[in-house]
Amino acid sequence: MPFPRPIDSTLHGATDYSVGTTLMTVFPTLAGIEGTPAARQIRTAGVSHAGYSLFTDYPLGVVKALPYKAHLAIDAIGAVALAATPFVTGQYRRGRSQWLPHVALALFELGSLAMSDPTGRGDYHGNVESVRRANELDPHARIHQGKPAVSRGRDRVTA
């Protein structure tokens, strides 16, 4: 069975913009690296990531010049480059705070890539009409009026 890839190109794009914006703005402060070379590198990664996302040919792209598969390849290269940066520059010697955010972000990016469908469709699709019909039902009519769903006593599960 192939590895599931539930992230379609729309969700990937939403993640691109939200993560890029977070890296540019609050992440260095939250990671406790504000004012360091590590913060500048992570902000640069955020700017570049959001920047090439604008040019990607996916639903949230603005210019649609960069093919989605090329975008995914740039994501992978960028993740590896971001993880390597503190070790190439030698700033890892200044402590864990100067390299751990880079590696953690790279692992997040690679995990996101592993779950992104390169065709852009994603493996899972909800039945929109079924959800619409379920949302139109009276919630009180769907609650079982008899035996409670959870009870004490012999039905209790013990670890």
C-alpha atoms as a PDB file:
ATOM      1  CA  MET A   1       0.000   0.000   0.000  1.00  0.00           C
ATOM      2  CA  PRO A   2       1.483   3.378  -0.952  1.00  0.00           C
ATOM      3  CA  PHE A   3       2.138   6.051   1.628  1.00  0.00           C
ATOM      4  CA  PRO A   4      -0.959   8.267   1.981  1.00  0.00           C
ATOM      5  CA  ARG A   5      -0.599  11.791   0.670  1.00  0.00           C
ATOM      6  CA  PRO A   6      -3.608  13.711   1.965  1.00  0.00           C
ATOM      7  CA  ILE A   7      -2.274  17.232   1.341  1.00  0.00           C
ATOM      8  CA  ASP A   8      -3.544  18.668  -1.922  1.00  0.00           C
ATOM      9  CA  SER A   9      -2.096  21.733  -3.625  1.00  0.00           C
ATOM     10  CA  THR A  10      -4.599  24.116  -2.009  1.00  0.00           C
ATOM     11  CA  LEU A  11      -3.758  22.995   1.526  1.00  0.00           C
ATOM     12  CA  HIS A  12      -0.047  23.020   0.648  1.00  0.00           C
ATOM     13  CA  GLY A  13      -0.408  26.607  -0.557  1.00  0.00           C
ATOM     14  CA  ALA A  14      -2.214  27.666   2.608  1.00  0.00           C
ATOM     15  CA  THR A  15       0.586  26.098   4.627  1.00  0.00           C
ATOM     16  CA  ASP A  16       3.213  27.827   2.483  1.00  0.00           C
ATOM     17  CA  TYR A  17       1.793  31.278   3.128  1.00  0.00           C
ATOM     18  CA  SER A  18       1.020  30.777   6.806  1.00  0.00           C
ATOM     19  CA  VAL A  19       4.398  29.221   7.623  1.00  0.00           C
ATOM     20  CA  GLY A  20       6.267  31.781   5.493  1.00  0.00           C
ATOM     21  CA  THR A  21       4.506  34.624   7.299  1.00  0.00           C
ATOM     22  CA  THR A  22       5.150  33.051  10.702  1.00  0.00           C
ATOM     23  CA  LEU A  23       8.864  32.651   9.923  1.00  0.00           C
ATOM     24  CA  MET A  24       9.109  36.263   8.792  1.00  0.00           C
ATOM     25  CA  THR A  25       7.335  37.679  11.826  1.00  0.00           C
ATOM     26  CA  VAL A  26       6.966  35.900  15.172  1.00  0.00           C
ATOM     27  CA  PHE A  27       8.966  32.673  14.922  1.00  0.00           C
ATOM     28  CA  PRO A  28      12.383  34.117  15.840  1.00  0.00           C
ATOM     29  CA  THR A  29      10.905  35.741  18.944  1.00  0.00           C
ATOM     30  CA  LEU A  30       9.029  32.578  19.937  1.00  0.00           C
ATOM     31  CA  ALA A  31      12.179  30.497  19.433  1.00  0.00           C
ATOM     32  CA  GLY A  32      14.216  32.918  21.565  1.00  0.00           C
ATOM     33  CA  ILE A  33      16.683  33.771  18.806  1.00  0.00           C
ATOM     34  CA  GLU A  34      15.664  37.363  18.045  1.00  0.00           C
ATOM     35  CA  GLY A  35      18.615  39.523  16.967  1.00  0.00           C
ATOM     36  CA  THR A  36      20.886  36.592  16.054  1.00  0.00           C
ATOM     37  CA  PRO A  37      22.154  35.352  12.691  1.00  0.00           C
ATOM     38  CA  ALA A  38      19.808  32.378  13.142  1.00  0.00           C
ATOM     39  CA  ALA A  39      16.811  34.729  13.227  1.00  0.00           C
ATOM     40  CA  ARG A  40      17.934  36.493  10.049  1.00  0.00           C
ATOM     41  CA  GLN A  41      18.409  33.162   8.263  1.00  0.00           C
ATOM     42  CA  ILE A  42      14.964  31.921   9.280  1.00  0.00           C
ATOM     43  CA  ARG A  43      13.345  35.209   8.257  1.00  0.00           C
ATOM     44  CA  THR A  44      15.109  34.970   4.891  1.00  0.00           C
ATOM     45  CA  ALA A  45      13.800  31.418   4.479  1.00  0.00           C
ATOM     46  CA  GLY A  46      10.272  32.649   5.230  1.00  0.00           C
ATOM     47  CA  VAL A  47      10.497  35.495   2.728  1.00  0.00           C
ATOM     48  CA  SER A  48      11.851  33.261  -0.026  1.00  0.00           C
ATOM     49  CA  HIS A  49       9.288  30.537   0.676  1.00  0.00           C
ATOM     50  CA  ALA A  50       6.337  32.932   0.542  1.00  0.00           C
ATOM     51  CA  GLY A  51       7.937  34.625  -2.471  1.00  0.00           C
ATOM     52  CA  TYR A  52       8.211  31.617  -4.739  1.00  0.00           C
ATOM     53  CA  SER A  53       4.792  30.460  -3.539  1.00  0.00           C
ATOM     54  CA  LEU A  54       3.336  33.560  -5.200  1.00  0.00           C
ATOM     55  CA  PHE A  55       4.717  32.309  -8.532  1.00  0.00           C
ATOM     56  CA  THR A  56       3.615  28.667  -8.168  1.00  0.00           C
ATOM     57  CA  ASP A  57       1.016  27.164 -10.471  1.00  0.00           C
ATOM     58  CA  TYR A  58      -1.428  26.030  -7.802  1.00  0.00           C
ATOM     59  CA  PRO A  59      -4.795  27.372  -6.636  1.00  0.00           C
ATOM     60  CA  LEU A  60      -3.266  29.947  -4.267  1.00  0.00           C
ATOM     61  CA  GLY A  61      -0.517  31.074  -6.638  1.00  0.00           C
ATOM     62  CA  VAL A  62      -0.779  34.584  -8.035  1.00  0.00           C
ATOM     63  CA  VAL A  63       1.368  34.435 -11.189  1.00  0.00           C
ATOM     64  CA  LYS A  64       1.292  30.636 -11.815  1.00  0.00           C
ATOM     65  CA  ALA A  65       4.643  30.463 -13.580  1.00  0.00           C
ATOM     66  CA  LEU A  66       6.413  27.787 -11.480  1.00  0.00           C
ATOM     67  CA  PRO A  67       5.107  24.208 -11.877  1.00  0.00           C
ATOM     68  CA  TYR A  68       3.833  22.653  -8.644  1.00  0.00           C
ATOM     69  CA  LYS A  69       6.327  19.764  -8.826  1.00  0.00           C
ATOM     70  CA  ALA A  70       9.187  22.262  -9.213  1.00  0.00           C
ATOM     71  CA  HIS A  71       7.827  24.103  -6.161  1.00  0.00           C
ATOM     72  CA  LEU A  72       7.966  20.834  -4.177  1.00  0.00           C
ATOM     73  CA  ALA A  73      11.560  20.271  -5.316  1.00  0.00           C
ATOM     74  CA  ILE A  74      12.521  23.787  -4.197  1.00  0.00           C
ATOM     75  CA  ASP A  75      10.814  23.078  -0.865  1.00  0.00           C
ATOM     76  CA  ALA A  76      12.979  19.983  -0.389  1.00  0.00           C
ATOM     77  CA  ILE A  77      16.196  21.759  -1.362  1.00  0.00           C
ATOM     78  CA  GLY A  78      15.294  24.705   0.871  1.00  0.00           C
ATOM     79  CA  ALA A  79      14.606  22.412   3.845  1.00  0.00           C
ATOM     80  CA  VAL A  80      17.966  20.702   3.517  1.00  0.00           C
ATOM     81  CA  ALA A  81      19.736  24.049   3.037  1.00  0.00           C
ATOM     82  CA  LEU A  82      18.004  25.519   6.086  1.00  0.00           C
ATOM     83  CA  ALA A  83      19.034  22.546   8.245  1.00  0.00           C
ATOM     84  CA  ALA A  84      22.629  22.753   6.993  1.00  0.00           C
ATOM     85  CA  THR A  85      23.049  26.524   7.387  1.00  0.00           C
ATOM     86  CA  PRO A  86      24.062  26.643  11.080  1.00  0.00           C
ATOM     87  CA  PHE A  87      26.574  23.850  10.548  1.00  0.00           C
ATOM     88  CA  VAL A  88      28.061  25.376   7.394  1.00  0.00           C
ATOM     89  CA  THR A  89      28.380  28.813   9.028  1.00  0.00           C
ATOM     90  CA  GLY A  90      29.695  27.443  12.335  1.00  0.00           C
ATOM     91  CA  GLN A  91      27.004  29.126  14.394  1.00  0.00           C
ATOM     92  CA  TYR A  92      26.043  25.746  15.881  1.00  0.00           C
ATOM     93  CA  ARG A  93      28.992  26.293  18.244  1.00  0.00           C
ATOM     94  CA  ARG A  94      27.030  29.081  19.955  1.00  0.00           C
ATOM     95  CA  GLY A  95      24.541  26.620  21.389  1.00  0.00           C
ATOM     96  CA  ARG A  96      21.538  24.526  20.607  1.00  0.00           C
ATOM     97  CA  SER A  97      19.283  27.568  20.143  1.00  0.00           C
ATOM     98  CA  GLN A  98      21.341  28.540  17.089  1.00  0.00           C
ATOM     99  CA  TRP A  99      20.769  25.293  15.189  1.00  0.00           C
ATOM    100  CA  LEU A 100      17.744  23.486  16.629  1.00  0.00           C
ATOM    101  CA  PRO A 101      15.114  25.830  15.105  1.00  0.00           C
ATOM    102  CA  HIS A 102      16.653  25.317  11.657  1.00  0.00           C
ATOM    103  CA  VAL A 103      16.606  21.530  11.979  1.00  0.00           C
ATOM    104  CA  ALA A 104      13.087  21.471  13.452  1.00  0.00           C
ATOM    105  CA  LEU A 105      11.744  23.643  10.632  1.00  0.00           C
ATOM    106  CA  ALA A 106      13.480  21.472   8.049  1.00  0.00           C
ATOM    107  CA  LEU A 107      11.911  18.344   9.553  1.00  0.00           C
ATOM    108  CA  PHE A 108       8.489  20.029   9.492  1.00  0.00           C
ATOM    109  CA  GLU A 109       8.989  20.952   5.844  1.00  0.00           C
ATOM    110  CA  LEU A 110      10.155  17.474   4.862  1.00  0.00           C
ATOM    111  CA  GLY A 111       7.207  15.932   6.722  1.00  0.00           C
ATOM    112  CA  SER A 112       4.837  18.258   4.903  1.00  0.00           C
ATOM    113  CA  LEU A 113       6.443  17.298   1.613  1.00  0.00           C
ATOM    114  CA  ALA A 114       6.127  13.586   2.386  1.00  0.00           C
ATOM    115  CA  MET A 115       2.376  14.076   2.863  1.00  0.00           C
ATOM    116  CA  SER A 116       1.877  16.376  -0.140  1.00  0.00           C
ATOM    117  CA  ASP A 117       0.504  14.767  -3.279  1.00  0.00           C
ATOM    118  CA  PRO A 118       2.755  15.807  -6.196  1.00  0.00           C
ATOM    119  CA  THR A 119      -0.246  15.662  -8.543  1.00  0.00           C
ATOM    120  CA  GLY A 120      -1.890  18.354  -6.409  1.00  0.00           C
ATOM    121  CA  ARG A 121      -5.094  16.345  -5.885  1.00  0.00           C
ATOM    122  CA  GLY A 122      -4.503  14.735  -2.482  1.00  0.00           C
ATOM    123  CA  ASP A 123      -5.579  11.225  -1.523  1.00  0.00           C
ATOM    124  CA  TYR A 124      -8.622  12.057   0.560  1.00  0.00           C
ATOM    125  CA  HIS A 125     -11.720  13.830  -0.603  1.00  0.00           C
ATOM    126  CA  GLY A 126     -14.789  14.387   1.491  1.00  0.00           C
ATOM    127  CA  ASN A 127     -18.292  13.921   0.207  1.00  0.00           C
ATOM    128  CA  VAL A 128     -19.443  17.529   0.316  1.00  0.00           C
ATOM    129  CA  GLU A 129     -23.104  16.718  -0.335  1.00  0.00           C
ATOM    130  CA  SER A 130     -23.156  14.168   2.487  1.00  0.00           C
ATOM    131  CA  VAL A 131     -21.699  16.723   4.905  1.00  0.00           C
ATOM    132  CA  ARG A 132     -24.248  19.310   3.746  1.00  0.00           C
ATOM    133  CA  ARG A 133     -27.141  16.907   4.333  1.00  0.00           C
ATOM    134  CA  ALA A 134     -25.817  15.965   7.786  1.00  0.00           C
ATOM    135  CA  ASN A 135     -25.501  19.626   8.738  1.00  0.00           C
ATOM    136  CA  GLU A 136     -29.133  20.257   7.816  1.00  0.00           C
ATOM    137  CA  LEU A 137     -30.439  17.662  10.302  1.00  0.00           C
ATOM    138  CA  ASP A 138     -31.780  18.710  13.673  1.00  0.00           C
ATOM    139  CA  PRO A 139     -28.988  17.893  16.163  1.00  0.00           C
ATOM    140  CA  HIS A 140     -31.524  17.041  18.891  1.00  0.00           C
ATOM    141  CA  ALA A 141     -33.067  14.371  16.689  1.00  0.00           C
ATOM    142  CA  ARG A 142     -29.677  12.698  16.333  1.00  0.00           C
ATOM    143  CA  ILE A 143     -29.018  12.334  20.072  1.00  0.00           C
ATOM    144  CA  HIS A 144     -29.958   8.915  21.377  1.00  0.00           C
ATOM    145  CA  GLN A 145     -32.717   9.319  23.968  1.00  0.00           C
ATOM    146  CA  GLY A 146     -32.240   5.931  25.639  1.00  0.00           C
ATOM    147  CA  LYS A 147     -29.183   4.541  27.397  1.00  0.00           C
ATOM    148  CA  PRO A 148     -26.374   7.072  27.941  1.00  0.00           C
ATOM    149  CA  ALA A 149     -23.348   6.681  25.724  1.00  0.00           C
ATOM    150  CA  VAL A 150     -21.019   6.515  28.739  1.00  0.00           C
ATOM    151  CA  SER A 151     -21.865   4.762  31.974  1.00  0.00           C
ATOM    152  CA  ARG A 152     -20.146   3.730  35.174  1.00  0.00           C
ATOM    153  CA  GLY A 153     -19.820   0.166  36.300  1.00  0.00           C
ATOM    154  CA  ARG A 154     -19.207  -3.021  34.407  1.00  0.00           C
ATOM    155  CA  ASP A 155     -19.088  -1.254  31.039  1.00  0.00           C
ATOM    156  CA  ARG A 156     -16.094   0.782  32.184  1.00  0.00           C
ATOM    157  CA  VAL A 157     -12.848   0.135  30.335  1.00  0.00           C
ATOM    158  CA  THR A 158      -9.818  -0.398  32.556  1.00  0.00           C
ATOM    159  CA  ALA A 159      -6.235  -0.096  31.490  1.00  0.00           C
END
